[in-house]
């Protein structure tokens, strides 16, 4: 009897269901954690995204989308420096004795510069997070300090899908968020995968927020 009672109590606990309309293959969906973090502190503690959004979410605010930049963000963010160093390394190898000093030193220095720039790109990628809720659109960035762009959806004037030539070749893109306040900072979701689908979801969420509709 005692074991049956314990079994009934454990089976009666229901896990909140995530609405199918909010599921996205392009995001790490954390609505259950964002809406009710107190119900699952152990699970929330394992997510860096949830730890960050805890500091900016309001009571009852629902997280719809959490993204990081594509991994291509790492090389693309430092492509100019990397290209310049590679050119210098190749020139040092080709010219050989005609360059002052030991050519091997130039190559080793170039390798260190490229490695350092890649490490810096990794740190930038790890510190960058894009969050869309039913009330706001947020960009979190920073390595040694945290820079937060936070704009209510009702105060977004427009958004633009920006795609450089490099991003087009890789199937990537960036979303620019322009607030109604002309003096306010412009936000940028930079180098994201599936940019058209993500931009469409952002537009739909902004439209619903301005119309006062519920999710």
C-alpha atoms as a PDB file:
ATOM      1  CA  UNK A   1       0.000   0.000   0.000  1.00  0.00           C
ATOM      2  CA  UNK A   2       2.767   2.398   0.888  1.00  0.00           C
ATOM      3  CA  UNK A   3       4.638   1.768  -2.361  1.00  0.00           C
ATOM      4  CA  UNK A   4       1.451   2.285  -4.394  1.00  0.00           C
ATOM      5  CA  UNK A   5       0.805   5.621  -2.650  1.00  0.00           C
ATOM      6  CA  UNK A   6       4.322   6.810  -3.409  1.00  0.00           C
ATOM      7  CA  UNK A   7       3.919   5.723  -7.017  1.00  0.00           C
ATOM      8  CA  UNK A   8       0.664   7.637  -7.354  1.00  0.00           C
ATOM      9  CA  UNK A   9       2.177  10.783  -5.877  1.00  0.00           C
ATOM     10  CA  UNK A  10       5.150  10.721  -8.223  1.00  0.00           C
ATOM     11  CA  UNK A  11       3.044   9.987 -11.306  1.00  0.00           C
ATOM     12  CA  UNK A  12       0.636  12.831 -10.514  1.00  0.00           C
ATOM     13  CA  UNK A  13       3.336  15.497 -10.930  1.00  0.00           C
ATOM     14  CA  UNK A  14       2.894  17.026 -14.371  1.00  0.00           C
ATOM     15  CA  UNK A  15       5.623  18.658 -16.406  1.00  0.00           C
ATOM     16  CA  UNK A  16       4.517  21.916 -18.075  1.00  0.00           C
ATOM     17  CA  UNK A  17       3.929  21.378 -21.782  1.00  0.00           C
ATOM     18  CA  UNK A  18       5.584  23.636 -24.323  1.00  0.00           C
ATOM     19  CA  UNK A  19       3.135  24.905 -26.962  1.00  0.00           C
ATOM     20  CA  UNK A  20       3.992  23.408 -30.356  1.00  0.00           C
ATOM     21  CA  UNK A  21       3.641  26.819 -32.012  1.00  0.00           C
ATOM     22  CA  UNK A  22       6.626  28.100 -30.064  1.00  0.00           C
ATOM     23  CA  UNK A  23       8.999  25.305 -30.980  1.00  0.00           C
ATOM     24  CA  UNK A  24      11.706  26.252 -33.454  1.00  0.00           C
ATOM     25  CA  UNK A  25      14.386  24.068 -35.070  1.00  0.00           C
ATOM     26  CA  UNK A  26      16.681  27.102 -35.233  1.00  0.00           C
ATOM     27  CA  UNK A  27      16.790  27.841 -31.506  1.00  0.00           C
ATOM     28  CA  UNK A  28      17.400  26.358 -28.120  1.00  0.00           C
ATOM     29  CA  UNK A  29      13.907  26.758 -26.798  1.00  0.00           C
ATOM     30  CA  UNK A  30      13.851  27.476 -23.089  1.00  0.00           C
ATOM     31  CA  UNK A  31      10.295  28.714 -22.514  1.00  0.00           C
ATOM     32  CA  UNK A  32       9.616  26.274 -19.676  1.00  0.00           C
ATOM     33  CA  UNK A  33      12.782  27.428 -17.889  1.00  0.00           C
ATOM     34  CA  UNK A  34      12.202  31.126 -18.568  1.00  0.00           C
ATOM     35  CA  UNK A  35       8.546  31.094 -17.497  1.00  0.00           C
ATOM     36  CA  UNK A  36       9.024  28.979 -14.406  1.00  0.00           C
ATOM     37  CA  UNK A  37      12.677  28.850 -13.403  1.00  0.00           C
ATOM     38  CA  UNK A  38      11.723  28.333  -9.764  1.00  0.00           C
ATOM     39  CA  UNK A  39      10.155  24.954 -10.638  1.00  0.00           C
ATOM     40  CA  UNK A  40      13.353  23.521 -12.079  1.00  0.00           C
ATOM     41  CA  UNK A  41      16.407  25.208 -10.537  1.00  0.00           C
ATOM     42  CA  UNK A  42      18.654  22.214 -11.111  1.00  0.00           C
ATOM     43  CA  UNK A  43      17.920  22.068 -14.837  1.00  0.00           C
ATOM     44  CA  UNK A  44      18.162  25.844 -15.232  1.00  0.00           C
ATOM     45  CA  UNK A  45      21.561  25.919 -13.540  1.00  0.00           C
ATOM     46  CA  UNK A  46      23.004  23.796 -16.369  1.00  0.00           C
ATOM     47  CA  UNK A  47      22.094  26.370 -19.031  1.00  0.00           C
ATOM     48  CA  UNK A  48      24.254  29.455 -19.523  1.00  0.00           C
ATOM     49  CA  UNK A  49      21.419  31.072 -21.464  1.00  0.00           C
ATOM     50  CA  UNK A  50      19.005  30.671 -18.562  1.00  0.00           C
ATOM     51  CA  UNK A  51      21.537  32.013 -16.056  1.00  0.00           C
ATOM     52  CA  UNK A  52      21.945  35.146 -18.159  1.00  0.00           C
ATOM     53  CA  UNK A  53      18.267  35.701 -18.889  1.00  0.00           C
ATOM     54  CA  UNK A  54      17.370  35.395 -15.204  1.00  0.00           C
ATOM     55  CA  UNK A  55      18.893  38.834 -14.702  1.00  0.00           C
ATOM     56  CA  UNK A  56      16.855  40.548 -17.416  1.00  0.00           C
ATOM     57  CA  UNK A  57      13.507  38.725 -17.527  1.00  0.00           C
ATOM     58  CA  UNK A  58      10.416  40.033 -15.827  1.00  0.00           C
ATOM     59  CA  UNK A  59       7.803  37.983 -14.001  1.00  0.00           C
ATOM     60  CA  UNK A  60       5.642  36.118 -16.476  1.00  0.00           C
ATOM     61  CA  UNK A  61       7.843  36.976 -19.459  1.00  0.00           C
ATOM     62  CA  UNK A  62       8.127  34.077 -21.887  1.00  0.00           C
ATOM     63  CA  UNK A  63      11.361  33.242 -23.690  1.00  0.00           C
ATOM     64  CA  UNK A  64      10.600  32.278 -27.289  1.00  0.00           C
ATOM     65  CA  UNK A  65      14.017  32.132 -28.883  1.00  0.00           C
ATOM     66  CA  UNK A  66      17.613  31.942 -27.700  1.00  0.00           C
ATOM     67  CA  UNK A  67      20.402  31.910 -30.263  1.00  0.00           C
ATOM     68  CA  UNK A  68      24.141  32.145 -30.487  1.00  0.00           C
ATOM     69  CA  UNK A  69      25.940  33.292 -33.614  1.00  0.00           C
ATOM     70  CA  UNK A  70      27.011  30.638 -36.064  1.00  0.00           C
ATOM     71  CA  UNK A  71      30.448  29.163 -35.427  1.00  0.00           C
ATOM     72  CA  UNK A  72      31.497  30.924 -38.621  1.00  0.00           C
ATOM     73  CA  UNK A  73      31.371  34.091 -36.491  1.00  0.00           C
ATOM     74  CA  UNK A  74      34.778  33.120 -35.074  1.00  0.00           C
ATOM     75  CA  UNK A  75      36.823  33.234 -38.307  1.00  0.00           C
ATOM     76  CA  UNK A  76      34.669  35.881 -39.993  1.00  0.00           C
ATOM     77  CA  UNK A  77      35.068  38.368 -37.137  1.00  0.00           C
ATOM     78  CA  UNK A  78      38.837  38.401 -37.607  1.00  0.00           C
ATOM     79  CA  UNK A  79      39.128  37.580 -41.284  1.00  0.00           C
ATOM     80  CA  UNK A  80      40.887  40.859 -42.204  1.00  0.00           C
ATOM     81  CA  UNK A  81      43.633  40.427 -39.611  1.00  0.00           C
ATOM     82  CA  UNK A  82      44.039  36.732 -40.398  1.00  0.00           C
ATOM     83  CA  UNK A  83      44.287  37.446 -44.140  1.00  0.00           C
ATOM     84  CA  UNK A  84      46.868  40.191 -43.588  1.00  0.00           C
ATOM     85  CA  UNK A  85      48.992  37.952 -41.367  1.00  0.00           C
ATOM     86  CA  UNK A  86      48.812  35.079 -43.852  1.00  0.00           C
ATOM     87  CA  UNK A  87      49.937  37.374 -46.671  1.00  0.00           C
ATOM     88  CA  UNK A  88      52.878  38.573 -44.550  1.00  0.00           C
ATOM     89  CA  UNK A  89      53.833  34.989 -43.693  1.00  0.00           C
ATOM     90  CA  UNK A  90      53.745  33.923 -47.334  1.00  0.00           C
ATOM     91  CA  UNK A  91      55.792  36.962 -48.333  1.00  0.00           C
ATOM     92  CA  UNK A  92      58.391  36.169 -45.667  1.00  0.00           C
ATOM     93  CA  UNK A  93      58.680  32.597 -46.935  1.00  0.00           C
ATOM     94  CA  UNK A  94      58.923  33.636 -50.592  1.00  0.00           C
ATOM     95  CA  UNK A  95      61.444  36.425 -50.073  1.00  0.00           C
ATOM     96  CA  UNK A  96      63.558  34.286 -47.772  1.00  0.00           C
ATOM     97  CA  UNK A  97      66.966  35.880 -47.158  1.00  0.00           C
ATOM     98  CA  UNK A  98      65.885  39.179 -48.675  1.00  0.00           C
ATOM     99  CA  UNK A  99      63.866  40.078 -45.568  1.00  0.00           C
ATOM    100  CA  UNK A 100      65.703  41.346 -42.475  1.00  0.00           C
ATOM    101  CA  UNK A 101      66.126  38.797 -39.732  1.00  0.00           C
ATOM    102  CA  UNK A 102      65.159  35.149 -39.720  1.00  0.00           C
ATOM    103  CA  UNK A 103      62.086  34.355 -41.923  1.00  0.00           C
ATOM    104  CA  UNK A 104      61.094  31.593 -39.497  1.00  0.00           C
ATOM    105  CA  UNK A 105      60.551  34.229 -36.818  1.00  0.00           C
ATOM    106  CA  UNK A 106      57.998  35.972 -39.037  1.00  0.00           C
ATOM    107  CA  UNK A 107      56.160  32.706 -39.578  1.00  0.00           C
ATOM    108  CA  UNK A 108      56.115  31.863 -35.873  1.00  0.00           C
ATOM    109  CA  UNK A 109      54.916  35.357 -35.006  1.00  0.00           C
ATOM    110  CA  UNK A 110      52.182  35.078 -37.622  1.00  0.00           C
ATOM    111  CA  UNK A 111      51.007  31.741 -36.227  1.00  0.00           C
ATOM    112  CA  UNK A 112      50.830  33.243 -32.731  1.00  0.00           C
ATOM    113  CA  UNK A 113      48.855  36.245 -34.008  1.00  0.00           C
ATOM    114  CA  UNK A 114      46.370  34.042 -35.836  1.00  0.00           C
ATOM    115  CA  UNK A 115      45.992  31.735 -32.834  1.00  0.00           C
ATOM    116  CA  UNK A 116      45.453  34.720 -30.544  1.00  0.00           C
ATOM    117  CA  UNK A 117      42.818  36.185 -32.857  1.00  0.00           C
ATOM    118  CA  UNK A 118      40.984  32.858 -33.056  1.00  0.00           C
ATOM    119  CA  UNK A 119      40.980  32.559 -29.259  1.00  0.00           C
ATOM    120  CA  UNK A 120      39.608  36.089 -28.998  1.00  0.00           C
ATOM    121  CA  UNK A 121      36.916  35.194 -31.523  1.00  0.00           C
ATOM    122  CA  UNK A 122      35.949  32.156 -29.467  1.00  0.00           C
ATOM    123  CA  UNK A 123      35.625  34.309 -26.350  1.00  0.00           C
ATOM    124  CA  UNK A 124      33.472  36.790 -28.251  1.00  0.00           C
ATOM    125  CA  UNK A 125      31.272  33.965 -29.553  1.00  0.00           C
ATOM    126  CA  UNK A 126      30.849  32.491 -26.074  1.00  0.00           C
ATOM    127  CA  UNK A 127      29.857  35.868 -24.633  1.00  0.00           C
ATOM    128  CA  UNK A 128      27.274  36.655 -27.322  1.00  0.00           C
ATOM    129  CA  UNK A 129      23.628  35.666 -26.946  1.00  0.00           C
ATOM    130  CA  UNK A 130      20.447  36.696 -28.754  1.00  0.00           C
ATOM    131  CA  UNK A 131      17.150  36.476 -26.861  1.00  0.00           C
ATOM    132  CA  UNK A 132      13.595  36.992 -28.106  1.00  0.00           C
ATOM    133  CA  UNK A 133      10.723  37.050 -25.635  1.00  0.00           C
ATOM    134  CA  UNK A 134       7.042  37.879 -25.983  1.00  0.00           C
ATOM    135  CA  UNK A 135       7.877  41.413 -24.741  1.00  0.00           C
ATOM    136  CA  UNK A 136      11.428  42.281 -25.768  1.00  0.00           C
ATOM    137  CA  UNK A 137      14.311  41.591 -28.088  1.00  0.00           C
ATOM    138  CA  UNK A 138      17.733  41.402 -26.441  1.00  0.00           C
ATOM    139  CA  UNK A 139      21.366  41.097 -27.438  1.00  0.00           C
ATOM    140  CA  UNK A 140      23.948  40.160 -24.813  1.00  0.00           C
ATOM    141  CA  UNK A 141      27.611  40.605 -25.724  1.00  0.00           C
ATOM    142  CA  UNK A 142      30.947  41.093 -24.053  1.00  0.00           C
ATOM    143  CA  UNK A 143      34.092  39.282 -22.930  1.00  0.00           C
ATOM    144  CA  UNK A 144      35.319  41.074 -19.832  1.00  0.00           C
ATOM    145  CA  UNK A 145      32.136  43.129 -19.385  1.00  0.00           C
ATOM    146  CA  UNK A 146      28.524  42.582 -20.379  1.00  0.00           C
ATOM    147  CA  UNK A 147      26.887  44.884 -22.910  1.00  0.00           C
ATOM    148  CA  UNK A 148      23.104  44.441 -23.152  1.00  0.00           C
ATOM    149  CA  UNK A 149      20.873  45.793 -25.898  1.00  0.00           C
ATOM    150  CA  UNK A 150      17.285  45.622 -24.637  1.00  0.00           C
ATOM    151  CA  UNK A 151      14.352  46.952 -26.676  1.00  0.00           C
ATOM    152  CA  UNK A 152      10.617  46.358 -26.010  1.00  0.00           C
ATOM    153  CA  UNK A 153       8.922  44.870 -29.050  1.00  0.00           C
ATOM    154  CA  UNK A 154       6.333  47.657 -29.075  1.00  0.00           C
ATOM    155  CA  UNK A 155       9.148  50.191 -29.448  1.00  0.00           C
ATOM    156  CA  UNK A 156      10.861  48.528 -32.418  1.00  0.00           C
ATOM    157  CA  UNK A 157      10.522  50.773 -35.457  1.00  0.00           C
ATOM    158  CA  UNK A 158      11.714  48.176 -37.949  1.00  0.00           C
ATOM    159  CA  UNK A 159      14.156  45.361 -38.515  1.00  0.00           C
ATOM    160  CA  UNK A 160      16.422  44.663 -41.468  1.00  0.00           C
ATOM    161  CA  UNK A 161      17.998  41.463 -42.736  1.00  0.00           C
ATOM    162  CA  UNK A 162      21.598  42.244 -43.676  1.00  0.00           C
ATOM    163  CA  UNK A 163      23.726  39.769 -45.605  1.00  0.00           C
ATOM    164  CA  UNK A 164      27.304  40.447 -46.641  1.00  0.00           C
ATOM    165  CA  UNK A 165      28.866  38.568 -49.522  1.00  0.00           C
ATOM    166  CA  UNK A 166      30.711  36.245 -47.143  1.00  0.00           C
ATOM    167  CA  UNK A 167      27.513  35.559 -45.188  1.00  0.00           C
ATOM    168  CA  UNK A 168      25.565  34.809 -48.379  1.00  0.00           C
ATOM    169  CA  UNK A 169      28.155  32.264 -49.449  1.00  0.00           C
ATOM    170  CA  UNK A 170      27.852  30.526 -46.074  1.00  0.00           C
ATOM    171  CA  UNK A 171      24.053  30.775 -45.798  1.00  0.00           C
ATOM    172  CA  UNK A 172      24.268  33.218 -42.893  1.00  0.00           C
ATOM    173  CA  UNK A 173      22.946  36.708 -42.171  1.00  0.00           C
ATOM    174  CA  UNK A 174      22.516  39.431 -39.551  1.00  0.00           C
ATOM    175  CA  UNK A 175      19.365  41.093 -38.232  1.00  0.00           C
ATOM    176  CA  UNK A 176      19.471  44.808 -37.430  1.00  0.00           C
ATOM    177  CA  UNK A 177      16.980  46.056 -34.817  1.00  0.00           C
ATOM    178  CA  UNK A 178      16.140  49.757 -35.111  1.00  0.00           C
ATOM    179  CA  UNK A 179      14.221  51.293 -32.166  1.00  0.00           C
ATOM    180  CA  UNK A 180      11.629  54.046 -32.580  1.00  0.00           C
ATOM    181  CA  UNK A 181      13.787  56.360 -30.466  1.00  0.00           C
ATOM    182  CA  UNK A 182      16.298  57.777 -32.929  1.00  0.00           C
ATOM    183  CA  UNK A 183      18.796  58.428 -30.125  1.00  0.00           C
ATOM    184  CA  UNK A 184      18.654  54.848 -28.895  1.00  0.00           C
ATOM    185  CA  UNK A 185      21.305  52.286 -29.743  1.00  0.00           C
ATOM    186  CA  UNK A 186      20.730  50.023 -32.734  1.00  0.00           C
ATOM    187  CA  UNK A 187      20.891  46.309 -31.995  1.00  0.00           C
ATOM    188  CA  UNK A 188      22.406  43.617 -34.205  1.00  0.00           C
ATOM    189  CA  UNK A 189      21.962  39.872 -34.189  1.00  0.00           C
ATOM    190  CA  UNK A 190      25.177  39.139 -36.032  1.00  0.00           C
ATOM    191  CA  UNK A 191      26.097  36.131 -38.184  1.00  0.00           C
ATOM    192  CA  UNK A 192      23.192  33.805 -37.437  1.00  0.00           C
ATOM    193  CA  UNK A 193      22.226  30.606 -39.241  1.00  0.00           C
ATOM    194  CA  UNK A 194      18.911  30.361 -41.156  1.00  0.00           C
ATOM    195  CA  UNK A 195      18.566  34.172 -41.104  1.00  0.00           C
ATOM    196  CA  UNK A 196      15.375  34.342 -43.178  1.00  0.00           C
ATOM    197  CA  UNK A 197      13.458  31.978 -40.911  1.00  0.00           C
ATOM    198  CA  UNK A 198      14.702  33.679 -37.750  1.00  0.00           C
ATOM    199  CA  UNK A 199      13.892  37.130 -39.147  1.00  0.00           C
ATOM    200  CA  UNK A 200      10.382  35.973 -40.044  1.00  0.00           C
ATOM    201  CA  UNK A 201       9.825  34.724 -36.495  1.00  0.00           C
ATOM    202  CA  UNK A 202      11.091  38.035 -35.084  1.00  0.00           C
ATOM    203  CA  UNK A 203       8.722  39.973 -37.364  1.00  0.00           C
ATOM    204  CA  UNK A 204       5.750  37.826 -36.365  1.00  0.00           C
ATOM    205  CA  UNK A 205       6.511  38.249 -32.666  1.00  0.00           C
ATOM    206  CA  UNK A 206       6.856  42.031 -33.026  1.00  0.00           C
ATOM    207  CA  UNK A 207       3.574  42.163 -34.951  1.00  0.00           C
ATOM    208  CA  UNK A 208       1.736  40.188 -32.263  1.00  0.00           C
ATOM    209  CA  UNK A 209       3.207  42.360 -29.490  1.00  0.00           C
ATOM    210  CA  UNK A 210       2.115  45.575 -31.215  1.00  0.00           C
ATOM    211  CA  UNK A 211      -1.361  44.192 -31.819  1.00  0.00           C
ATOM    212  CA  UNK A 212      -1.648  43.225 -28.162  1.00  0.00           C
ATOM    213  CA  UNK A 213      -2.185  39.569 -28.975  1.00  0.00           C
ATOM    214  CA  UNK A 214      -1.253  36.718 -26.705  1.00  0.00           C
ATOM    215  CA  UNK A 215       1.090  33.934 -27.675  1.00  0.00           C
END
